[in-house]
Protein backbone atom coordinates (compact mmCIF):
# COMPACT_ATOMS: atom_id res chain seq x y z
CA MET A 1 68.20 2.17 -18.15
CA THR A 2 66.53 5.52 -18.55
CA PRO A 3 63.40 5.98 -20.71
CA GLU A 4 65.49 7.90 -23.24
CA GLU A 5 67.94 5.01 -23.50
CA LEU A 6 65.08 2.50 -23.80
CA LEU A 7 63.42 4.42 -26.62
CA SER A 8 66.74 4.72 -28.43
CA GLN A 9 67.26 0.95 -28.52
CA THR A 10 67.34 -0.32 -32.11
CA TYR A 11 65.57 -3.46 -33.37
CA PHE A 12 65.56 -4.49 -37.04
CA GLY A 13 66.97 -1.12 -38.04
CA ASN A 14 64.43 1.05 -36.16
CA THR A 15 64.32 2.45 -32.65
CA ILE A 16 61.50 1.75 -30.25
CA LEU A 17 60.61 5.44 -30.55
CA ALA A 18 60.21 5.03 -34.35
CA TYR A 19 57.97 1.98 -33.84
CA THR A 20 55.96 3.95 -31.28
CA GLU A 21 55.50 6.85 -33.67
CA ALA A 22 54.45 4.52 -36.49
CA LEU A 23 51.97 2.75 -34.20
CA GLY A 24 50.67 6.12 -33.01
CA ILE A 25 50.04 7.23 -36.60
CA VAL A 26 48.09 4.02 -37.30
CA LEU A 27 46.02 4.41 -34.11
CA LEU A 28 45.42 8.06 -34.98
CA SER A 29 44.14 7.04 -38.42
CA ILE A 30 41.70 4.62 -36.74
CA ILE A 31 40.46 7.39 -34.45
CA VAL A 32 40.12 9.81 -37.39
CA GLY A 33 38.21 7.16 -39.31
CA LYS A 34 35.78 6.67 -36.43
CA ILE A 35 35.31 10.44 -36.12
CA VAL A 36 34.63 10.75 -39.86
CA TYR A 37 32.16 7.85 -39.68
CA TYR A 38 30.38 9.48 -36.73
CA PHE A 39 30.31 12.87 -38.47
CA ILE A 40 28.86 11.35 -41.66
CA ASN A 41 26.10 9.49 -39.81
CA GLN A 42 25.19 12.22 -37.34
CA TYR A 43 25.52 15.37 -39.41
CA LEU A 44 26.26 14.88 -43.11
CA LYS A 45 23.41 12.39 -43.75
CA ALA A 46 20.95 14.64 -41.92
CA LEU A 47 22.12 17.58 -44.03
CA PHE A 48 21.74 15.69 -47.33
CA LYS A 49 18.29 14.40 -46.36
CA LYS A 50 17.08 18.01 -46.43
CA THR A 51 17.87 18.23 -50.15
CA GLU A 52 15.42 17.05 -52.79
CA ALA A 53 18.07 15.03 -54.64
CA LYS A 54 18.33 11.37 -53.68
CA LEU A 55 21.65 10.72 -55.38
CA ASP A 56 23.77 12.47 -52.73
CA ASP A 57 22.17 10.35 -49.97
CA LEU A 58 22.95 7.18 -51.91
CA LEU A 59 26.55 8.18 -52.60
CA ILE A 60 27.15 8.96 -48.92
CA ASP A 61 25.78 5.54 -47.98
CA ALA A 62 28.14 3.93 -50.46
CA LEU A 63 31.14 6.02 -49.40
CA GLU A 64 31.08 5.98 -45.59
CA GLU A 65 32.59 2.54 -44.82
CA PRO A 66 35.14 2.43 -47.69
CA LEU A 67 36.24 5.94 -46.65
CA VAL A 68 36.99 4.73 -43.11
CA VAL A 69 39.05 1.84 -44.48
CA PHE A 70 40.85 4.21 -46.84
CA ILE A 71 41.78 6.54 -43.93
CA PHE A 72 43.16 3.56 -42.00
CA THR A 73 45.12 2.40 -45.05
CA TRP A 74 46.53 5.89 -45.54
CA GLY A 75 47.60 5.99 -41.90
CA LEU A 76 49.25 2.60 -42.35
CA TYR A 77 51.08 3.93 -45.39
CA ILE A 78 52.37 7.03 -43.55
CA GLY A 79 53.33 5.01 -40.48
CA LEU A 80 55.20 2.52 -42.63
CA HIS A 81 57.24 5.27 -44.26
CA THR A 82 58.39 6.60 -40.88
CA LEU A 83 60.34 3.35 -40.48
CA ALA A 84 63.51 2.22 -42.15
CA ILE A 85 62.35 -0.74 -44.20
CA PRO A 86 64.90 -3.19 -45.64
CA PRO A 87 65.05 -2.99 -49.45
CA SER A 88 64.14 -6.69 -49.72
CA ILE A 89 60.86 -6.14 -47.86
CA GLU A 90 59.93 -2.67 -49.10
CA PRO A 91 58.41 -3.74 -52.48
CA PHE A 92 56.21 -6.30 -50.73
CA ALA A 93 55.09 -3.77 -48.09
CA GLU A 94 54.31 -1.22 -50.81
CA GLY A 95 52.37 -3.87 -52.72
CA VAL A 96 50.26 -4.72 -49.66
CA ILE A 97 49.39 -1.06 -49.07
CA THR A 98 48.54 -0.54 -52.76
CA ALA A 99 46.46 -3.72 -52.79
CA MET A 100 44.46 -2.45 -49.81
CA ILE A 101 43.81 0.86 -51.59
CA VAL A 102 42.82 -0.89 -54.83
CA MET A 103 40.49 -3.27 -53.02
CA THR A 104 38.93 -0.37 -51.11
CA VAL A 105 38.23 1.46 -54.38
CA ALA A 106 36.82 -1.77 -55.86
CA TRP A 107 34.62 -2.18 -52.78
CA LEU A 108 33.32 1.38 -53.27
CA LEU A 109 32.59 0.74 -56.96
CA LEU A 110 30.73 -2.49 -56.15
CA ARG A 111 28.58 -0.63 -53.61
CA ILE A 112 27.84 2.08 -56.19
CA ILE A 113 26.85 -0.59 -58.74
CA ASN A 114 24.50 -2.22 -56.20
CA ILE A 115 22.88 1.12 -55.42
CA GLY A 116 22.57 2.07 -59.10
CA VAL A 117 20.91 -1.24 -59.98
CA LYS A 118 18.60 -1.28 -56.94
CA GLU A 119 17.57 2.37 -56.96
CA TYR A 120 17.51 3.18 -60.69
CA LEU A 121 17.59 0.18 -63.06
CA VAL A 122 15.14 -2.06 -61.19
CA PRO A 123 12.48 0.70 -60.69
CA PHE A 124 12.90 1.70 -64.35
CA SER A 125 12.42 -1.88 -65.54
CA ARG A 126 9.24 -2.19 -63.47
CA LYS A 127 7.75 0.72 -65.40
CA THR A 128 8.24 -1.02 -68.75
CA ASP A 129 5.77 -3.51 -70.22
CA SER A 130 8.46 -6.09 -70.93
CA SER A 131 9.73 -8.46 -68.25
CA LEU A 132 12.77 -9.37 -70.32
CA ASP A 133 14.80 -6.47 -68.95
CA ASP A 134 13.97 -7.69 -65.43
CA GLN A 135 15.77 -10.90 -66.27
CA LEU A 136 18.76 -9.23 -67.90
CA ILE A 137 19.42 -6.65 -65.17
CA PRO A 138 20.96 -9.24 -62.77
CA ILE A 139 23.15 -10.49 -65.63
CA PHE A 140 24.28 -6.93 -66.42
CA SER A 141 24.97 -6.25 -62.73
CA LYS A 142 27.04 -9.41 -62.26
CA GLY A 143 28.98 -8.73 -65.46
CA LEU A 144 29.83 -5.19 -64.35
CA LYS A 145 30.93 -6.43 -60.93
CA ALA A 146 33.07 -9.11 -62.56
CA VAL A 147 34.86 -6.43 -64.62
CA VAL A 148 35.60 -4.38 -61.47
CA ILE A 149 36.93 -7.44 -59.62
CA VAL A 150 39.09 -8.63 -62.53
CA VAL A 151 40.61 -5.17 -63.09
CA SER A 152 41.35 -4.74 -59.39
CA LEU A 153 43.02 -8.16 -59.24
CA LEU A 154 45.16 -7.37 -62.30
CA VAL A 155 46.26 -4.04 -60.78
CA THR A 156 47.08 -5.79 -57.49
CA LEU A 157 49.11 -8.49 -59.23
CA SER A 158 50.96 -5.83 -61.21
CA ASN A 159 51.98 -4.09 -57.97
CA PHE A 160 53.39 -7.36 -56.67
CA GLY A 161 55.61 -7.58 -59.72
CA VAL A 162 53.56 -10.00 -61.81
CA ASP A 163 53.89 -9.40 -65.56
CA ILE A 164 50.22 -8.96 -66.37
CA THR A 165 51.02 -8.39 -70.07
CA ALA A 166 52.23 -11.96 -70.38
CA LEU A 167 49.32 -13.10 -68.23
CA ILE A 168 46.77 -11.32 -70.42
CA ALA A 169 48.48 -12.69 -73.54
CA GLY A 170 48.20 -16.19 -72.13
CA LEU A 171 44.59 -15.59 -71.25
CA GLY A 172 44.08 -14.20 -74.75
CA ILE A 173 45.24 -17.43 -76.39
CA GLY A 174 43.10 -19.48 -74.03
CA GLY A 175 40.24 -17.05 -74.51
CA LEU A 176 40.45 -17.44 -78.28
CA ALA A 177 40.17 -21.18 -77.94
CA VAL A 178 37.23 -20.82 -75.59
CA ALA A 179 35.59 -18.27 -77.93
CA LEU A 180 35.89 -20.63 -80.88
CA ALA A 181 34.49 -23.46 -78.81
CA SER A 182 31.63 -21.32 -77.50
CA LYS A 183 30.68 -19.55 -80.73
CA ASP A 184 27.07 -20.69 -80.43
CA THR A 185 26.88 -19.48 -76.83
CA VAL A 186 28.07 -16.00 -77.84
CA GLU A 187 25.54 -15.89 -80.69
CA ASN A 188 22.76 -16.89 -78.30
CA MET A 189 23.79 -14.18 -75.82
CA PHE A 190 23.63 -11.54 -78.54
CA GLY A 191 20.27 -13.02 -79.53
CA ALA A 192 19.00 -12.47 -75.97
CA PHE A 193 20.01 -8.81 -76.11
CA ALA A 194 18.42 -8.47 -79.56
CA ILE A 195 15.14 -9.81 -78.15
CA LEU A 196 15.39 -7.32 -75.28
CA LEU A 197 15.99 -4.36 -77.60
CA ASP A 198 13.50 -5.22 -80.36
CA LYS A 199 10.87 -6.67 -77.99
CA PRO A 200 9.12 -8.88 -80.58
CA PHE A 201 7.42 -10.60 -77.64
CA MET A 202 7.25 -10.53 -73.85
CA VAL A 203 7.08 -13.24 -71.24
CA ASN A 204 3.59 -14.84 -71.22
CA ASP A 205 2.95 -13.85 -74.87
CA ARG A 206 1.76 -16.58 -77.21
CA ILE A 207 3.94 -16.76 -80.29
CA THR A 208 4.53 -18.89 -83.34
CA VAL A 209 8.19 -19.24 -84.29
CA ASP A 210 9.76 -21.71 -86.66
CA GLY A 211 6.49 -23.65 -86.88
CA VAL A 212 6.06 -23.96 -83.11
CA THR A 213 3.22 -22.24 -81.22
CA GLY A 214 3.31 -21.71 -77.48
CA ASP A 215 3.54 -19.31 -74.54
CA VAL A 216 6.86 -17.69 -73.66
CA LEU A 217 7.89 -18.73 -70.16
CA GLU A 218 11.41 -17.33 -69.91
CA VAL A 219 14.12 -15.68 -71.99
CA GLY A 220 17.59 -16.76 -70.88
CA LEU A 221 21.05 -15.93 -72.10
CA ARG A 222 21.24 -19.08 -74.18
CA SER A 223 17.67 -20.05 -75.04
CA THR A 224 14.02 -19.09 -74.77
CA ARG A 225 11.72 -21.46 -72.90
CA ILE A 226 8.32 -21.97 -74.55
CA LEU A 227 5.31 -23.90 -73.24
CA THR A 228 3.81 -25.51 -76.34
CA LEU A 229 0.11 -26.11 -76.90
CA GLU A 230 0.81 -29.81 -76.29
CA ASN A 231 1.91 -28.88 -72.72
CA THR A 232 5.58 -29.60 -73.33
CA GLU A 233 8.48 -27.25 -72.70
CA MET A 234 10.65 -26.41 -75.67
CA TYR A 235 14.01 -24.65 -75.39
CA MET A 236 14.76 -22.75 -78.59
CA PRO A 237 18.20 -21.14 -79.06
CA ASN A 238 18.01 -17.34 -79.14
CA SER A 239 20.15 -17.20 -82.28
CA ARG A 240 17.53 -19.31 -84.06
CA ILE A 241 14.66 -17.14 -82.81
CA VAL A 242 16.13 -13.82 -84.00
CA THR A 243 16.68 -15.23 -87.49
CA SER A 244 13.17 -16.71 -87.78
CA LYS A 245 9.81 -15.18 -88.58
CA ILE A 246 7.96 -14.53 -85.32
CA GLU A 247 4.17 -14.28 -85.17
CA ASN A 248 2.95 -12.71 -81.93
CA ILE A 249 -0.59 -13.95 -81.38
CA THR A 250 -1.08 -11.85 -78.24
CA ARG A 251 -0.48 -8.55 -80.07
CA PRO A 252 -1.89 -6.12 -80.97
CA SER A 253 -4.81 -7.47 -78.88
CA ARG A 254 -6.13 -10.79 -77.63
CA HIS A 255 -8.78 -10.83 -80.40
CA ILE A 256 -8.04 -13.35 -83.11
CA ALA A 257 -9.67 -13.97 -86.47
CA THR A 258 -10.91 -17.33 -87.65
CA VAL A 259 -11.61 -18.16 -91.28
CA GLU A 260 -13.47 -21.19 -92.65
CA THR A 261 -15.35 -22.23 -95.74
CA LEU A 262 -18.86 -23.73 -95.75
CA SER A 263 -19.50 -25.90 -98.81
CA LEU A 264 -23.07 -26.42 -100.01
CA THR A 265 -24.26 -28.77 -102.73
CA TYR A 266 -24.85 -27.49 -106.25
CA GLU A 267 -28.46 -28.54 -105.85
CA THR A 268 -28.97 -25.77 -103.25
CA PRO A 269 -31.56 -23.26 -104.57
CA GLN A 270 -30.67 -19.58 -104.65
CA ALA A 271 -33.17 -18.84 -101.89
CA LYS A 272 -31.60 -21.45 -99.64
CA LEU A 273 -28.14 -20.04 -100.40
CA ARG A 274 -29.29 -16.59 -99.21
CA GLU A 275 -30.95 -18.21 -96.18
CA ALA A 276 -27.70 -20.01 -95.33
CA ILE A 277 -25.81 -16.70 -95.34
CA SER A 278 -28.48 -15.12 -93.11
CA ILE A 279 -28.34 -18.05 -90.69
CA VAL A 280 -24.56 -17.80 -90.35
CA LYS A 281 -24.71 -14.04 -89.68
CA GLU A 282 -27.41 -14.57 -87.05
CA VAL A 283 -25.43 -17.33 -85.34
CA LEU A 284 -22.30 -15.17 -85.20
CA SER A 285 -24.25 -12.25 -83.71
CA LYS A 286 -25.69 -14.39 -80.91
CA THR A 287 -22.84 -16.76 -80.01
CA ASP A 288 -21.00 -16.02 -76.78
CA GLY A 289 -17.29 -15.37 -77.34
CA VAL A 290 -17.58 -13.90 -80.83
CA TYR A 291 -16.09 -10.39 -80.87
CA GLY A 292 -18.56 -7.79 -82.06
CA GLY A 293 -16.09 -4.99 -82.62
CA TYR A 294 -15.50 -6.05 -86.22
CA ALA A 295 -18.27 -6.96 -88.64
CA PRO A 296 -18.01 -10.61 -89.72
CA THR A 297 -17.58 -11.50 -93.37
CA VAL A 298 -20.10 -14.03 -94.71
CA ALA A 299 -20.17 -14.18 -98.51
CA PHE A 300 -20.72 -16.61 -101.38
CA THR A 301 -17.27 -16.45 -102.93
CA ASP A 302 -16.55 -19.52 -104.99
CA PHE A 303 -17.99 -22.06 -107.40
CA GLY A 304 -15.99 -25.05 -106.30
CA ALA A 305 -15.37 -28.28 -108.18
CA SER A 306 -18.23 -29.93 -106.36
CA SER A 307 -19.69 -27.26 -104.07
CA LEU A 308 -20.91 -23.72 -103.62
CA ASN A 309 -18.50 -22.15 -101.16
CA ILE A 310 -19.38 -19.56 -98.52
CA LEU A 311 -16.48 -17.73 -96.87
CA VAL A 312 -16.96 -17.12 -93.14
CA LYS A 313 -14.58 -14.84 -91.27
CA TYR A 314 -15.18 -13.55 -87.76
CA TRP A 315 -13.24 -12.60 -84.62
CA VAL A 316 -13.00 -14.33 -81.25
CA ASN A 317 -12.72 -12.28 -78.04
CA ASP A 318 -9.70 -14.17 -76.69
CA TYR A 319 -7.31 -16.39 -78.63
CA LEU A 320 -7.29 -18.84 -75.69
CA ASP A 321 -11.00 -19.53 -76.33
CA LYS A 322 -10.73 -19.91 -80.10
CA SER A 323 -11.44 -23.66 -80.19
CA VAL A 324 -14.37 -23.38 -77.77
CA VAL A 325 -16.01 -20.56 -79.70
CA LEU A 326 -15.37 -22.31 -83.02
CA ASP A 327 -17.13 -25.40 -81.66
CA ARG A 328 -20.15 -23.36 -80.54
CA VAL A 329 -20.47 -21.61 -83.88
CA ASN A 330 -20.04 -24.75 -86.02
CA GLN A 331 -22.45 -26.87 -84.01
CA THR A 332 -25.12 -24.17 -84.09
CA ILE A 333 -24.68 -23.65 -87.85
CA LYS A 334 -24.97 -27.38 -88.52
CA GLU A 335 -28.08 -27.62 -86.36
CA ARG A 336 -29.71 -24.63 -88.09
CA PHE A 337 -28.79 -25.90 -91.58
CA GLU A 338 -30.30 -29.31 -90.85
CA GLY A 339 -33.50 -27.64 -89.66
CA ALA A 340 -33.64 -25.48 -92.79
CA GLY A 341 -32.97 -28.39 -95.14
CA ILE A 342 -29.62 -27.01 -96.34
CA ALA A 343 -27.18 -29.76 -97.27
CA PHE A 344 -23.41 -29.63 -96.98
CA ALA A 345 -21.43 -30.81 -99.99
CA TYR A 346 -18.71 -33.40 -100.08
CA PRO A 347 -16.30 -34.16 -102.90
CA THR A 348 -18.19 -35.82 -105.74
CA GLN A 349 -17.49 -36.56 -109.38
CA LYS A 350 -20.12 -37.03 -112.07
CA VAL A 351 -19.23 -39.40 -114.91
CA ILE A 352 -21.25 -39.11 -118.15
CA LEU A 353 -21.19 -42.10 -120.47
CA SER A 354 -22.13 -41.58 -124.09
CA LYS A 355 -22.82 -44.29 -126.68
């Protein structure tokens, strides 16, 4: 049998020559892909590195491998169409080629998302004061990737003849049931984004919300984790936080005011009352931890039911030291009052009997 006769032999509706041509096209596409890959790495990248823009370098990095796969897929498509394909197999073969193209495009988009998050979103979030966006960036990235994957799968199924309209409708009914069942979860997710946008507090801030005071440890999609002053962890739903009054103790500075009332007996002479006010001012000026940026308020403000009341308001350097500084101030005031013969009042009631 001559070579011409051998190449003209027919198997499954195609000659050996046709199979050889199809295989040659596929091999040629592989070679072209390798040449393109070599050209990109040896020449194109070096050319783009000379430019000031960084975006073109990143896009080339994302494009090079998917482009090689796309060239191979295109060669496979052309080679396939040089053959006589039975009608029963042709739709499946077309679907496989289309699926490869769709998945290659999805792969490219996923690489672009990774680069965008790593090179732009993460550096931007590091420049902000809030660490909440650092926690939400991975969630945003995964959500975007999930959308790309789901869309690519739906397109692939559609090319294989699956009625995605009916599939989406079925998912819609199931999704409605899930949405109704997870209403609170959705509200908490929106609450997390509201916290990110409004920034009423940041991680490590001390806040008071819904009667609870503590330090913010983490803001999740569902809840915010707070370390209470009792050293317990409390998980408060985000939907509850965004609808509550929030007091941020850390802002606008770490200074915090403290207000108390000193009650003296009605038997205290006027001179001793003035001396008491002077003693308190002196104590506040000399006690470590009292913030001197604001003048304290020490004033006789009230004739109480059983006492003469002196209002004392001053600022502490750091809210974490409030109790310690308060103890120093109060103990020193009590010691100085005892030495000066100034008596504190306590609730009393005088009963006058008449005959």
